[in-house]
Amino acid sequence: MMIYDITMEVREGMPTYPTDPRVEIKPFKKIPQNSSNVSRIVLGSHTGTHVDTKLHIQNGGWSMSKIPLDSFYGKCKVLDLTHCGKNLAAMNLERFDVKKGDIILLKTKNSLNIAKKFGKDCICLAEDAADYLVERKIKTVGIDCLSIGNKEVHKKIINSGTIIFESLDLSKVKQGEYIFVGLPLKIDCDGAPARAILIEI
């Protein structure tokens, strides 16, 4: 059985959204001065591989701890879109077999530059592509970028009930079908880092 770790490593200096907190990992207690080693970790709720919630885009929306667990597990389709340019359009997705209840992971040119910081060259979803996925009533969508798209893209997807994973590392994964497991921290918050894997079927 082959298992792919598609999680970005949380470390100091890692790529973060420009206006989000930077990661700090500092010793809090150290051996031999103390009986154990303990670290102090500072990071934003949307650091690295993470899940967005409705609370991320509007006050009063549901938080991370309210998302059903079946959103984080199931058969998954990885779509190779590395040939596409900036902003994935609906026409880029139409040739794939996208069905109701699918977990869809979008592998783009971002996977070729996974270690670089978020910037203007990052490939995201265009609004018509968000509409296309919403119309097909997929369960979960993930992308290899710090942001799946602009605020309107977030609203379209999240308000439909579809769960968003961002900053997946799909660099070593080929197009195909897998079992997806992505478990975020159970925390009453607008988002949370997650450990995500793919298992070959």
N, C-alpha and C. Protein backbone atom coordinates (compact mmCIF):
# COMPACT_ATOMS: atom_id res chain seq x y z
N MET A 1 0.85 -1.20 0.00
CA MET A 1 0.00 0.00 0.00
C MET A 1 0.88 1.24 0.00
N MET A 2 0.63 2.14 -0.94
CA MET A 2 1.40 3.38 -1.04
C MET A 2 0.61 4.52 -0.42
N ILE A 3 1.25 5.25 0.50
CA ILE A 3 0.63 6.41 1.14
C ILE A 3 1.45 7.64 0.82
N TYR A 4 0.78 8.68 0.33
CA TYR A 4 1.45 9.94 0.01
C TYR A 4 1.09 10.99 1.06
N ASP A 5 2.11 11.59 1.62
CA ASP A 5 1.89 12.71 2.54
C ASP A 5 1.76 13.98 1.69
N ILE A 6 0.59 14.59 1.68
CA ILE A 6 0.36 15.78 0.85
C ILE A 6 0.22 17.04 1.73
N THR A 7 0.88 16.98 2.88
CA THR A 7 0.84 18.07 3.86
C THR A 7 2.12 18.90 3.78
N MET A 8 1.98 20.20 3.79
CA MET A 8 3.16 21.07 3.91
C MET A 8 3.71 20.99 5.32
N GLU A 9 5.01 20.91 5.44
CA GLU A 9 5.63 20.89 6.77
C GLU A 9 5.51 22.27 7.41
N VAL A 10 5.07 22.29 8.66
CA VAL A 10 4.99 23.55 9.40
C VAL A 10 6.37 23.86 9.97
N ARG A 11 6.93 24.96 9.55
CA ARG A 11 8.28 25.35 9.98
C ARG A 11 8.43 26.86 9.89
N GLU A 12 9.40 27.37 10.61
CA GLU A 12 9.70 28.80 10.51
C GLU A 12 10.19 29.12 9.11
N GLY A 13 9.73 30.23 8.56
CA GLY A 13 10.15 30.65 7.23
C GLY A 13 9.33 30.04 6.11
N MET A 14 8.33 29.21 6.43
CA MET A 14 7.50 28.61 5.40
C MET A 14 6.63 29.66 4.72
N PRO A 15 6.12 29.38 3.51
CA PRO A 15 5.23 30.35 2.85
C PRO A 15 3.95 30.56 3.65
N THR A 16 3.56 31.80 3.82
CA THR A 16 2.30 32.13 4.47
C THR A 16 1.62 33.24 3.66
N TYR A 17 0.30 33.34 3.83
CA TYR A 17 -0.42 34.42 3.16
C TYR A 17 0.16 35.75 3.66
N PRO A 18 0.36 36.74 2.77
CA PRO A 18 1.09 37.96 3.14
C PRO A 18 0.61 38.66 4.40
N THR A 19 -0.70 38.65 4.69
CA THR A 19 -1.22 39.38 5.85
C THR A 19 -1.43 38.48 7.07
N ASP A 20 -1.04 37.19 6.97
CA ASP A 20 -1.23 36.26 8.09
C ASP A 20 0.02 36.19 8.97
N PRO A 21 -0.13 35.70 10.21
CA PRO A 21 1.04 35.59 11.09
C PRO A 21 2.10 34.65 10.53
N ARG A 22 3.34 34.97 10.80
CA ARG A 22 4.44 34.08 10.42
C ARG A 22 4.64 33.03 11.51
N VAL A 23 5.14 31.89 11.08
CA VAL A 23 5.30 30.78 12.01
C VAL A 23 6.51 31.02 12.92
N GLU A 24 6.30 30.78 14.22
CA GLU A 24 7.38 30.82 15.20
C GLU A 24 7.36 29.53 16.01
N ILE A 25 8.48 28.84 16.07
CA ILE A 25 8.61 27.63 16.88
C ILE A 25 9.84 27.82 17.76
N LYS A 26 9.62 28.07 19.05
CA LYS A 26 10.70 28.40 19.97
C LYS A 26 10.67 27.47 21.19
N PRO A 27 11.83 27.16 21.74
CA PRO A 27 11.86 26.36 22.97
C PRO A 27 11.18 27.09 24.12
N PHE A 28 10.36 26.39 24.86
CA PHE A 28 9.71 26.93 26.06
C PHE A 28 10.32 26.32 27.31
N LYS A 29 10.58 25.01 27.24
CA LYS A 29 11.33 24.30 28.29
C LYS A 29 12.36 23.43 27.60
N LYS A 30 13.55 23.30 28.23
CA LYS A 30 14.61 22.52 27.61
C LYS A 30 15.30 21.63 28.65
N ILE A 31 15.64 20.43 28.19
CA ILE A 31 16.49 19.54 28.98
C ILE A 31 17.94 20.02 28.80
N PRO A 32 18.81 20.11 29.81
CA PRO A 32 18.62 19.54 31.16
C PRO A 32 18.08 20.54 32.18
N GLN A 33 17.85 21.78 31.78
CA GLN A 33 17.32 22.76 32.74
C GLN A 33 15.95 22.34 33.25
N ASN A 34 15.18 21.64 32.41
CA ASN A 34 13.86 21.14 32.80
C ASN A 34 13.80 19.63 32.59
N SER A 35 12.73 19.03 33.06
CA SER A 35 12.60 17.58 32.96
C SER A 35 12.18 17.11 31.57
N SER A 36 11.75 18.05 30.71
CA SER A 36 11.31 17.69 29.37
C SER A 36 11.50 18.86 28.41
N ASN A 37 11.45 18.55 27.11
CA ASN A 37 11.47 19.59 26.08
C ASN A 37 10.04 19.95 25.68
N VAL A 38 9.70 21.23 25.70
CA VAL A 38 8.39 21.72 25.28
C VAL A 38 8.62 22.97 24.43
N SER A 39 7.90 23.07 23.32
CA SER A 39 8.05 24.22 22.43
C SER A 39 6.83 25.13 22.48
N ARG A 40 7.06 26.38 22.21
CA ARG A 40 5.99 27.36 22.05
C ARG A 40 5.80 27.59 20.56
N ILE A 41 4.57 27.38 20.05
CA ILE A 41 4.30 27.48 18.63
C ILE A 41 3.30 28.62 18.38
N VAL A 42 3.67 29.52 17.49
CA VAL A 42 2.78 30.61 17.08
C VAL A 42 2.53 30.48 15.59
N LEU A 43 1.27 30.41 15.19
CA LEU A 43 0.93 30.33 13.78
C LEU A 43 -0.51 30.76 13.56
N GLY A 44 -0.82 31.16 12.34
CA GLY A 44 -2.18 31.52 12.00
C GLY A 44 -3.04 30.29 11.78
N SER A 45 -4.34 30.46 11.85
CA SER A 45 -5.26 29.34 11.69
C SER A 45 -5.30 28.83 10.24
N HIS A 46 -4.72 29.59 9.31
CA HIS A 46 -4.69 29.18 7.90
C HIS A 46 -3.24 28.98 7.44
N THR A 47 -2.44 28.40 8.32
CA THR A 47 -1.04 28.13 8.03
C THR A 47 -0.89 26.79 7.33
N GLY A 48 -0.05 26.76 6.30
CA GLY A 48 0.25 25.50 5.62
C GLY A 48 -1.01 24.82 5.11
N THR A 49 -1.00 23.49 5.10
CA THR A 49 -2.17 22.72 4.68
C THR A 49 -3.27 22.92 5.72
N HIS A 50 -4.41 23.44 5.29
CA HIS A 50 -5.45 23.80 6.25
C HIS A 50 -6.84 23.75 5.61
N VAL A 51 -7.84 23.87 6.45
CA VAL A 51 -9.24 23.88 6.03
C VAL A 51 -9.85 25.25 6.33
N ASP A 52 -10.65 25.75 5.37
CA ASP A 52 -11.40 26.99 5.58
C ASP A 52 -12.81 26.65 6.08
N THR A 53 -13.39 27.52 6.88
CA THR A 53 -14.77 27.35 7.33
C THR A 53 -15.59 28.58 6.93
N LYS A 54 -16.88 28.49 7.16
CA LYS A 54 -17.75 29.62 6.85
C LYS A 54 -17.44 30.83 7.73
N LEU A 55 -16.95 30.57 8.93
CA LEU A 55 -16.56 31.64 9.84
C LEU A 55 -15.38 32.44 9.27
N HIS A 56 -14.64 31.85 8.36
CA HIS A 56 -13.52 32.53 7.71
C HIS A 56 -13.99 33.69 6.85
N ILE A 57 -15.20 33.58 6.29
CA ILE A 57 -15.67 34.60 5.35
C ILE A 57 -16.83 35.43 5.87
N GLN A 58 -17.42 35.01 7.01
CA GLN A 58 -18.52 35.82 7.56
C GLN A 58 -18.69 35.55 9.05
N ASN A 59 -19.01 36.58 9.79
CA ASN A 59 -19.29 36.43 11.21
C ASN A 59 -20.55 35.58 11.39
N GLY A 60 -20.51 34.70 12.38
CA GLY A 60 -21.65 33.85 12.66
C GLY A 60 -21.70 32.57 11.85
N GLY A 61 -20.74 32.37 10.93
CA GLY A 61 -20.70 31.13 10.17
C GLY A 61 -20.19 29.97 11.02
N TRP A 62 -20.37 28.74 10.50
CA TRP A 62 -19.93 27.58 11.26
C TRP A 62 -18.41 27.53 11.34
N SER A 63 -17.95 26.99 12.47
CA SER A 63 -16.51 26.91 12.73
C SER A 63 -16.00 25.51 12.47
N MET A 64 -14.70 25.32 12.67
CA MET A 64 -14.05 24.05 12.35
C MET A 64 -14.66 22.87 13.09
N SER A 65 -14.97 23.04 14.35
CA SER A 65 -15.45 21.92 15.15
C SER A 65 -16.85 21.46 14.75
N LYS A 66 -17.53 22.21 13.86
CA LYS A 66 -18.89 21.86 13.45
C LYS A 66 -18.95 21.10 12.12
N ILE A 67 -17.81 20.90 11.46
CA ILE A 67 -17.80 20.25 10.15
C ILE A 67 -17.92 18.73 10.31
N PRO A 68 -18.82 18.08 9.57
CA PRO A 68 -18.97 16.62 9.66
C PRO A 68 -17.69 15.90 9.25
N LEU A 69 -17.36 14.83 9.95
CA LEU A 69 -16.12 14.10 9.70
C LEU A 69 -16.06 13.49 8.31
N ASP A 70 -17.20 13.17 7.70
CA ASP A 70 -17.13 12.53 6.38
C ASP A 70 -16.65 13.50 5.30
N SER A 71 -16.56 14.79 5.62
CA SER A 71 -15.99 15.76 4.68
C SER A 71 -14.49 15.58 4.53
N PHE A 72 -13.88 14.88 5.49
CA PHE A 72 -12.43 14.76 5.55
C PHE A 72 -11.91 13.40 5.09
N TYR A 73 -12.80 12.56 4.57
CA TYR A 73 -12.39 11.21 4.20
C TYR A 73 -13.23 10.70 3.02
N GLY A 74 -12.59 9.94 2.15
CA GLY A 74 -13.35 9.30 1.07
C GLY A 74 -12.55 9.13 -0.19
N LYS A 75 -13.19 8.51 -1.18
CA LYS A 75 -12.56 8.36 -2.49
C LYS A 75 -12.35 9.75 -3.10
N CYS A 76 -11.23 9.89 -3.77
CA CYS A 76 -10.79 11.21 -4.22
C CYS A 76 -10.26 11.12 -5.64
N LYS A 77 -10.43 12.22 -6.38
CA LYS A 77 -9.87 12.33 -7.73
C LYS A 77 -8.88 13.48 -7.77
N VAL A 78 -7.64 13.16 -8.15
CA VAL A 78 -6.63 14.20 -8.36
C VAL A 78 -6.64 14.55 -9.84
N LEU A 79 -6.86 15.83 -10.14
CA LEU A 79 -6.91 16.30 -11.52
C LEU A 79 -5.62 17.03 -11.86
N ASP A 80 -4.92 16.56 -12.89
CA ASP A 80 -3.67 17.20 -13.30
C ASP A 80 -3.98 18.39 -14.20
N LEU A 81 -3.75 19.58 -13.66
CA LEU A 81 -4.02 20.83 -14.39
C LEU A 81 -2.74 21.65 -14.53
N THR A 82 -1.60 20.95 -14.51
CA THR A 82 -0.31 21.63 -14.57
C THR A 82 -0.06 22.30 -15.92
N HIS A 83 -0.85 21.95 -16.91
CA HIS A 83 -0.71 22.56 -18.23
C HIS A 83 -1.49 23.88 -18.34
N CYS A 84 -2.29 24.17 -17.34
CA CYS A 84 -3.16 25.36 -17.41
C CYS A 84 -2.45 26.61 -16.92
N GLY A 85 -2.85 27.74 -17.45
CA GLY A 85 -2.27 29.01 -17.03
C GLY A 85 -2.94 29.55 -15.79
N LYS A 86 -2.76 30.82 -15.55
CA LYS A 86 -3.28 31.46 -14.34
C LYS A 86 -4.80 31.43 -14.30
N ASN A 87 -5.34 31.15 -13.13
CA ASN A 87 -6.78 31.10 -12.86
C ASN A 87 -7.47 30.00 -13.68
N LEU A 88 -7.74 28.90 -13.01
CA LEU A 88 -8.40 27.76 -13.64
C LEU A 88 -9.84 28.12 -13.98
N ALA A 89 -10.21 27.96 -15.23
CA ALA A 89 -11.56 28.27 -15.68
C ALA A 89 -12.39 27.00 -15.73
N ALA A 90 -13.71 27.16 -15.85
CA ALA A 90 -14.61 26.01 -15.93
C ALA A 90 -14.23 25.09 -17.08
N MET A 91 -13.79 25.67 -18.21
CA MET A 91 -13.45 24.85 -19.37
C MET A 91 -12.28 23.92 -19.09
N ASN A 92 -11.42 24.28 -18.12
CA ASN A 92 -10.30 23.41 -17.75
C ASN A 92 -10.75 22.18 -16.97
N LEU A 93 -11.94 22.25 -16.38
CA LEU A 93 -12.45 21.17 -15.55
C LEU A 93 -13.45 20.28 -16.27
N GLU A 94 -14.02 20.78 -17.34
CA GLU A 94 -15.14 20.10 -17.99
C GLU A 94 -14.78 18.74 -18.59
N ARG A 95 -13.51 18.51 -18.90
CA ARG A 95 -13.12 17.24 -19.52
C ARG A 95 -12.97 16.11 -18.49
N PHE A 96 -13.06 16.46 -17.21
CA PHE A 96 -12.93 15.46 -16.16
C PHE A 96 -14.30 14.95 -15.71
N ASP A 97 -14.30 13.76 -15.15
CA ASP A 97 -15.53 13.13 -14.68
C ASP A 97 -15.79 13.55 -13.24
N VAL A 98 -16.36 14.73 -13.08
CA VAL A 98 -16.64 15.28 -11.75
C VAL A 98 -18.10 15.01 -11.41
N LYS A 99 -18.32 14.31 -10.28
CA LYS A 99 -19.68 13.89 -9.92
C LYS A 99 -20.06 14.36 -8.53
N LYS A 100 -21.35 14.30 -8.25
CA LYS A 100 -21.89 14.66 -6.94
C LYS A 100 -21.21 13.83 -5.84
N GLY A 101 -20.80 14.52 -4.77
CA GLY A 101 -20.19 13.85 -3.64
C GLY A 101 -18.71 13.58 -3.76
N ASP A 102 -18.09 13.98 -4.88
CA ASP A 102 -16.66 13.74 -5.08
C ASP A 102 -15.80 14.60 -4.15
N ILE A 103 -14.63 14.08 -3.86
CA ILE A 103 -13.54 14.88 -3.29
C ILE A 103 -12.58 15.14 -4.46
N ILE A 104 -12.39 16.41 -4.80
CA ILE A 104 -11.60 16.80 -5.96
C ILE A 104 -10.37 17.59 -5.50
N LEU A 105 -9.18 17.12 -5.89
CA LEU A 105 -7.94 17.82 -5.60
C LEU A 105 -7.34 18.33 -6.90
N LEU A 106 -7.00 19.61 -6.93
CA LEU A 106 -6.54 20.29 -8.14
C LEU A 106 -5.03 20.46 -8.10
N LYS A 107 -4.34 19.71 -8.95
CA LYS A 107 -2.88 19.83 -9.06
C LYS A 107 -2.55 20.81 -10.18
N THR A 108 -1.91 21.92 -9.84
CA THR A 108 -1.60 22.97 -10.81
C THR A 108 -0.10 23.20 -10.89
N LYS A 109 0.28 24.22 -11.62
CA LYS A 109 1.69 24.58 -11.70
C LYS A 109 2.26 25.00 -10.34
N ASN A 110 1.36 25.30 -9.38
CA ASN A 110 1.84 25.62 -8.04
C ASN A 110 2.65 24.47 -7.46
N SER A 111 2.31 23.23 -7.85
CA SER A 111 3.01 22.06 -7.33
C SER A 111 4.47 22.01 -7.77
N LEU A 112 4.80 22.72 -8.84
CA LEU A 112 6.18 22.78 -9.32
C LEU A 112 7.00 23.79 -8.53
N ASN A 113 6.31 24.64 -7.77
CA ASN A 113 6.97 25.70 -6.99
C ASN A 113 6.45 25.71 -5.56
N ILE A 114 6.30 24.51 -4.99
CA ILE A 114 5.63 24.38 -3.70
C ILE A 114 6.33 25.12 -2.57
N ALA A 115 7.64 25.34 -2.69
CA ALA A 115 8.38 25.98 -1.61
C ALA A 115 8.40 27.50 -1.70
N LYS A 116 7.89 28.05 -2.82
CA LYS A 116 7.94 29.50 -2.99
C LYS A 116 6.79 30.18 -2.26
N LYS A 117 6.97 31.47 -1.98
CA LYS A 117 5.95 32.20 -1.24
C LYS A 117 4.75 32.51 -2.12
N PHE A 118 3.63 32.79 -1.45
CA PHE A 118 2.41 33.17 -2.16
C PHE A 118 2.65 34.48 -2.91
N GLY A 119 2.21 34.54 -4.15
CA GLY A 119 2.41 35.76 -4.92
C GLY A 119 1.49 35.83 -6.12
N LYS A 120 1.73 36.79 -6.98
CA LYS A 120 0.85 37.03 -8.12
C LYS A 120 0.86 35.90 -9.12
N ASP A 121 1.89 35.04 -9.09
CA ASP A 121 1.99 33.95 -10.05
C ASP A 121 1.25 32.69 -9.59
N CYS A 122 0.68 32.68 -8.38
CA CYS A 122 -0.04 31.51 -7.90
C CYS A 122 -1.31 31.30 -8.72
N ILE A 123 -1.58 30.05 -9.04
CA ILE A 123 -2.74 29.70 -9.86
C ILE A 123 -3.91 29.33 -8.95
N CYS A 124 -5.04 29.99 -9.15
CA CYS A 124 -6.23 29.80 -8.31
C CYS A 124 -7.43 29.46 -9.19
N LEU A 125 -8.59 29.31 -8.57
CA LEU A 125 -9.83 29.05 -9.29
C LEU A 125 -10.46 30.36 -9.74
N ALA A 126 -10.89 30.41 -10.98
CA ALA A 126 -11.71 31.52 -11.45
C ALA A 126 -13.14 31.30 -10.95
N GLU A 127 -13.95 32.35 -10.97
CA GLU A 127 -15.30 32.25 -10.42
C GLU A 127 -16.18 31.27 -11.20
N ASP A 128 -15.99 31.17 -12.52
CA ASP A 128 -16.82 30.23 -13.28
C ASP A 128 -16.44 28.78 -12.97
N ALA A 129 -15.17 28.55 -12.59
CA ALA A 129 -14.75 27.21 -12.19
C ALA A 129 -15.36 26.84 -10.83
N ALA A 130 -15.44 27.82 -9.94
CA ALA A 130 -16.11 27.60 -8.66
C ALA A 130 -17.58 27.26 -8.89
N ASP A 131 -18.24 27.99 -9.81
CA ASP A 131 -19.64 27.70 -10.15
C ASP A 131 -19.78 26.27 -10.68
N TYR A 132 -18.85 25.86 -11.52
CA TYR A 132 -18.89 24.51 -12.12
C TYR A 132 -18.83 23.44 -11.03
N LEU A 133 -17.93 23.59 -10.06
CA LEU A 133 -17.80 22.59 -9.00
C LEU A 133 -19.02 22.61 -8.08
N VAL A 134 -19.53 23.79 -7.80
CA VAL A 134 -20.73 23.91 -6.95
C VAL A 134 -21.93 23.25 -7.61
N GLU A 135 -22.08 23.45 -8.91
CA GLU A 135 -23.20 22.86 -9.65
C GLU A 135 -23.17 21.33 -9.58
N ARG A 136 -21.96 20.77 -9.50
CA ARG A 136 -21.82 19.31 -9.44
C ARG A 136 -21.91 18.77 -8.01
N LYS A 137 -22.07 19.65 -7.05
CA LYS A 137 -22.31 19.29 -5.66
C LYS A 137 -21.23 18.36 -5.10
N ILE A 138 -19.97 18.73 -5.35
CA ILE A 138 -18.88 17.94 -4.79
C ILE A 138 -18.83 18.13 -3.28
N LYS A 139 -18.21 17.18 -2.60
CA LYS A 139 -18.15 17.22 -1.14
C LYS A 139 -17.02 18.10 -0.63
N THR A 140 -15.86 17.95 -1.26
CA THR A 140 -14.65 18.62 -0.79
C THR A 140 -13.78 18.97 -1.99
N VAL A 141 -13.10 20.12 -1.92
CA VAL A 141 -12.16 20.50 -2.97
C VAL A 141 -10.86 20.95 -2.30
N GLY A 142 -9.74 20.58 -2.92
CA GLY A 142 -8.44 20.99 -2.41
C GLY A 142 -7.56 21.51 -3.54
N ILE A 143 -6.62 22.38 -3.19
CA ILE A 143 -5.73 22.96 -4.19
C ILE A 143 -4.34 23.14 -3.60
N ASP A 144 -3.34 23.18 -4.46
CA ASP A 144 -1.94 23.31 -4.06
C ASP A 144 -1.52 24.78 -4.00
N CYS A 145 -2.35 25.60 -3.40
CA CYS A 145 -2.10 27.04 -3.30
C CYS A 145 -2.55 27.52 -1.93
N LEU A 146 -1.96 28.61 -1.44
CA LEU A 146 -2.36 29.16 -0.15
C LEU A 146 -3.78 29.69 -0.15
N SER A 147 -4.32 29.99 -1.33
CA SER A 147 -5.70 30.45 -1.43
C SER A 147 -6.34 29.82 -2.66
N ILE A 148 -7.56 29.33 -2.53
CA ILE A 148 -8.24 28.72 -3.66
C ILE A 148 -8.72 29.75 -4.67
N GLY A 149 -8.83 30.99 -4.24
CA GLY A 149 -9.28 32.05 -5.14
C GLY A 149 -9.67 33.29 -4.37
N ASN A 150 -10.32 34.22 -5.05
CA ASN A 150 -10.69 35.47 -4.39
C ASN A 150 -11.86 35.26 -3.42
N LYS A 151 -12.30 36.33 -2.81
CA LYS A 151 -13.36 36.22 -1.79
C LYS A 151 -14.65 35.66 -2.38
N GLU A 152 -14.96 36.03 -3.62
CA GLU A 152 -16.18 35.54 -4.24
C GLU A 152 -16.11 34.04 -4.49
N VAL A 153 -14.94 33.54 -4.86
CA VAL A 153 -14.74 32.10 -5.05
C VAL A 153 -14.95 31.37 -3.72
N HIS A 154 -14.37 31.91 -2.65
CA HIS A 154 -14.57 31.33 -1.32
C HIS A 154 -16.05 31.27 -0.97
N LYS A 155 -16.76 32.37 -1.19
CA LYS A 155 -18.18 32.43 -0.84
C LYS A 155 -18.99 31.39 -1.61
N LYS A 156 -18.76 31.31 -2.91
CA LYS A 156 -19.51 30.37 -3.74
C LYS A 156 -19.34 28.94 -3.24
N ILE A 157 -18.10 28.56 -2.95
CA ILE A 157 -17.81 27.18 -2.56
C ILE A 157 -18.29 26.89 -1.15
N ILE A 158 -17.93 27.75 -0.22
CA ILE A 158 -18.26 27.50 1.19
C ILE A 158 -19.76 27.57 1.43
N ASN A 159 -20.44 28.54 0.82
CA ASN A 159 -21.89 28.66 1.01
C ASN A 159 -22.66 27.49 0.42
N SER A 160 -22.03 26.75 -0.50
CA SER A 160 -22.68 25.56 -1.07
C SER A 160 -22.56 24.36 -0.14
N GLY A 161 -21.72 24.48 0.91
CA GLY A 161 -21.50 23.37 1.82
C GLY A 161 -20.27 22.54 1.50
N THR A 162 -19.58 22.90 0.43
CA THR A 162 -18.35 22.20 0.05
C THR A 162 -17.20 22.65 0.94
N ILE A 163 -16.38 21.69 1.38
CA ILE A 163 -15.25 21.98 2.25
C ILE A 163 -14.00 22.28 1.42
N ILE A 164 -13.21 23.25 1.85
CA ILE A 164 -12.01 23.69 1.13
C ILE A 164 -10.75 23.30 1.90
N PHE A 165 -9.83 22.60 1.21
CA PHE A 165 -8.47 22.39 1.69
C PHE A 165 -7.54 23.24 0.83
N GLU A 166 -6.63 23.97 1.47
CA GLU A 166 -5.67 24.79 0.75
C GLU A 166 -4.24 24.39 1.14
N SER A 167 -3.30 24.76 0.28
CA SER A 167 -1.86 24.48 0.50
C SER A 167 -1.55 22.99 0.60
N LEU A 168 -2.16 22.21 -0.28
CA LEU A 168 -1.79 20.80 -0.37
C LEU A 168 -0.49 20.67 -1.15
N ASP A 169 0.32 19.70 -0.80
CA ASP A 169 1.56 19.41 -1.55
C ASP A 169 1.28 18.22 -2.46
N LEU A 170 0.96 18.52 -3.70
CA LEU A 170 0.63 17.47 -4.68
C LEU A 170 1.78 17.22 -5.65
N SER A 171 2.97 17.68 -5.29
CA SER A 171 4.11 17.63 -6.21
C SER A 171 4.52 16.21 -6.59
N LYS A 172 4.29 15.24 -5.71
CA LYS A 172 4.72 13.86 -5.98
C LYS A 172 3.54 12.94 -6.32
N VAL A 173 2.39 13.52 -6.56
CA VAL A 173 1.18 12.74 -6.79
C VAL A 173 0.76 12.85 -8.26
N LYS A 174 0.45 11.70 -8.87
CA LYS A 174 -0.03 11.69 -10.25
C LYS A 174 -1.55 11.77 -10.29
N GLN A 175 -2.05 12.17 -11.45
CA GLN A 175 -3.50 12.17 -11.65
C GLN A 175 -4.06 10.77 -11.44
N GLY A 176 -5.22 10.70 -10.80
CA GLY A 176 -5.84 9.40 -10.59
C GLY A 176 -6.78 9.41 -9.41
N GLU A 177 -7.21 8.22 -9.02
CA GLU A 177 -8.13 8.06 -7.90
C GLU A 177 -7.40 7.49 -6.69
N TYR A 178 -7.73 8.02 -5.53
CA TYR A 178 -7.09 7.66 -4.27
C TYR A 178 -8.14 7.65 -3.17
N ILE A 179 -7.71 7.22 -1.98
CA ILE A 179 -8.47 7.48 -0.76
C ILE A 179 -7.84 8.70 -0.10
N PHE A 180 -8.66 9.68 0.20
CA PHE A 180 -8.18 10.92 0.83
C PHE A 180 -8.52 10.91 2.31
N VAL A 181 -7.54 11.30 3.13
CA VAL A 181 -7.75 11.51 4.56
C VAL A 181 -7.11 12.85 4.91
N GLY A 182 -7.91 13.78 5.42
CA GLY A 182 -7.38 15.08 5.82
C GLY A 182 -8.06 15.53 7.10
N LEU A 183 -7.34 15.46 8.20
CA LEU A 183 -7.94 15.73 9.52
C LEU A 183 -7.40 17.02 10.11
N PRO A 184 -8.23 18.07 10.16
CA PRO A 184 -7.82 19.32 10.80
C PRO A 184 -7.95 19.23 12.32
N LEU A 185 -7.31 20.15 13.00
CA LEU A 185 -7.48 20.24 14.45
C LEU A 185 -8.95 20.49 14.79
N LYS A 186 -9.43 19.85 15.83
CA LYS A 186 -10.80 20.10 16.29
C LYS A 186 -10.76 21.32 17.20
N ILE A 187 -11.08 22.45 16.59
CA ILE A 187 -10.95 23.72 17.30
C ILE A 187 -12.07 24.65 16.85
N ASP A 188 -12.64 25.39 17.77
CA ASP A 188 -13.75 26.30 17.47
C ASP A 188 -13.17 27.58 16.88
N CYS A 189 -12.90 27.52 15.56
CA CYS A 189 -12.14 28.60 14.94
C CYS A 189 -12.53 28.71 13.46
N ASP A 190 -12.01 29.74 12.78
CA ASP A 190 -12.33 30.01 11.38
C ASP A 190 -11.58 29.12 10.40
N GLY A 191 -10.66 28.35 10.89
CA GLY A 191 -9.87 27.44 10.06
C GLY A 191 -8.89 26.70 10.96
N ALA A 192 -8.22 25.70 10.39
CA ALA A 192 -7.26 24.95 11.20
C ALA A 192 -6.30 24.18 10.31
N PRO A 193 -5.03 24.11 10.71
CA PRO A 193 -4.08 23.25 10.00
C PRO A 193 -4.52 21.80 10.04
N ALA A 194 -4.13 21.04 8.99
CA ALA A 194 -4.55 19.65 8.88
C ALA A 194 -3.38 18.78 8.42
N ARG A 195 -3.45 17.50 8.75
CA ARG A 195 -2.54 16.50 8.18
C ARG A 195 -3.33 15.76 7.11
N ALA A 196 -2.84 15.80 5.89
CA ALA A 196 -3.56 15.21 4.77
C ALA A 196 -2.71 14.15 4.07
N ILE A 197 -3.34 13.03 3.72
CA ILE A 197 -2.64 11.96 3.02
C ILE A 197 -3.53 11.42 1.88
N LEU A 198 -2.89 10.78 0.93
CA LEU A 198 -3.59 10.03 -0.12
C LEU A 198 -3.12 8.58 -0.08
N ILE A 199 -4.05 7.66 -0.20
CA ILE A 199 -3.74 6.24 -0.20
C ILE A 199 -4.09 5.68 -1.57
N GLU A 200 -3.15 5.00 -2.21
CA GLU A 200 -3.44 4.40 -3.51
C GLU A 200 -4.49 3.33 -3.39
N ILE A 201 -5.43 3.34 -4.32
CA ILE A 201 -6.52 2.35 -4.31
C ILE A 201 -6.02 1.07 -5.01
